[in-house]
Protein backbone atom coordinates (compact mmCIF):
# COMPACT_ATOMS: atom_id res chain seq x y z
CA MET A 1 -26.16 42.15 22.53
CA ALA A 2 -23.63 39.62 23.14
CA LYS A 3 -20.82 39.65 26.09
CA TYR A 4 -17.39 38.74 24.51
CA ASN A 5 -14.20 38.24 26.63
CA TYR A 6 -11.66 41.03 24.41
CA ALA A 7 -8.88 39.99 27.32
CA LYS A 8 -6.70 38.29 24.27
CA LEU A 9 -7.36 40.80 21.95
CA THR A 10 -6.56 43.86 24.22
CA GLY A 11 -3.17 42.63 25.63
CA LYS A 12 -2.68 41.62 21.01
CA ILE A 13 -3.43 45.39 20.83
CA VAL A 14 -1.30 46.48 23.76
CA GLU A 15 1.73 43.83 22.02
CA VAL A 16 1.32 44.94 19.04
CA PHE A 17 0.79 48.87 18.44
CA GLY A 18 1.66 49.76 22.08
CA SER A 19 -1.37 51.09 23.00
CA GLN A 20 -5.00 51.56 22.30
CA LYS A 21 -5.08 55.13 21.53
CA ALA A 22 -2.23 54.10 18.83
CA TYR A 23 -4.78 50.88 17.57
CA ALA A 24 -7.43 53.26 17.75
CA ARG A 25 -5.94 55.77 15.41
CA PHE A 26 -4.91 52.88 12.96
CA MET A 27 -8.32 52.37 12.84
CA GLY A 28 -9.79 55.68 11.60
CA TRP A 29 -11.25 55.92 15.41
CA ALA A 30 -11.51 58.00 18.24
CA GLU A 31 -10.01 55.91 21.00
CA ARG A 32 -13.05 55.84 22.64
CA THR A 33 -14.40 54.24 19.85
CA ALA A 34 -11.93 51.69 20.66
CA SER A 35 -12.26 51.76 24.53
CA GLU A 36 -16.23 50.66 23.86
CA LYS A 37 -16.19 48.58 21.70
CA LEU A 38 -13.51 46.50 23.89
CA ASN A 39 -15.74 47.30 26.76
CA CYS A 40 -18.14 45.16 24.86
CA ASN A 41 -20.26 48.14 24.68
CA SER A 42 -20.64 48.64 20.33
CA GLU A 43 -20.04 45.95 17.94
CA PHE A 44 -17.37 45.19 15.79
CA LYS A 45 -18.29 45.35 11.94
CA GLN A 46 -17.18 42.64 9.93
CA GLY A 47 -14.92 45.10 8.13
CA GLU A 48 -13.18 46.47 11.30
CA ILE A 49 -12.43 42.94 12.54
CA VAL A 50 -10.31 41.87 8.68
CA LYS A 51 -8.76 44.99 9.87
CA THR A 52 -7.36 44.56 13.61
CA VAL A 53 -6.89 40.94 12.16
CA GLU A 54 -4.54 42.78 9.75
CA GLY A 55 -3.49 45.30 11.25
CA LEU A 56 -2.18 42.63 14.17
CA GLY A 57 -0.51 39.62 11.21
CA LEU A 58 -3.02 37.28 12.75
CA SER A 59 -4.89 35.12 10.48
CA PHE A 60 -8.06 34.56 9.46
CA ALA A 61 -8.39 30.98 11.54
CA ASP A 62 -7.96 33.13 14.49
CA ILE A 63 -11.10 34.65 14.50
CA PRO A 64 -12.96 32.99 16.64
CA GLU A 65 -10.34 32.98 19.37
CA TYR A 66 -9.89 36.39 19.42
CA PHE A 67 -13.66 38.21 18.55
CA PHE A 68 -15.85 35.99 19.61
CA ALA A 69 -15.12 34.62 23.36
CA ARG A 70 -18.24 34.94 24.98
CA ILE A 71 -18.00 35.88 28.57
CA ALA A 72 -19.26 33.53 31.02
CA GLN A 73 -22.55 34.14 32.32
CA ARG A 74 -23.21 33.47 36.16
CA ASN A 75 -26.24 31.85 37.48
């Protein structure tokens, strides 16, 4: 599974929802599920990305910036 940098996404979640816990409730998840996804231990499904984008007031053009920023690999 690819590793992504969700720092910008996490910051926007806190800005809009106030906490990761509130975001998890919005998504209909347990708080652990949100944590697993934001820590790259579980992947976001397409529908979850769409719901998150809409909930955060982002545009679909923002998806790559928030969901597909790769973590730099060290050699």
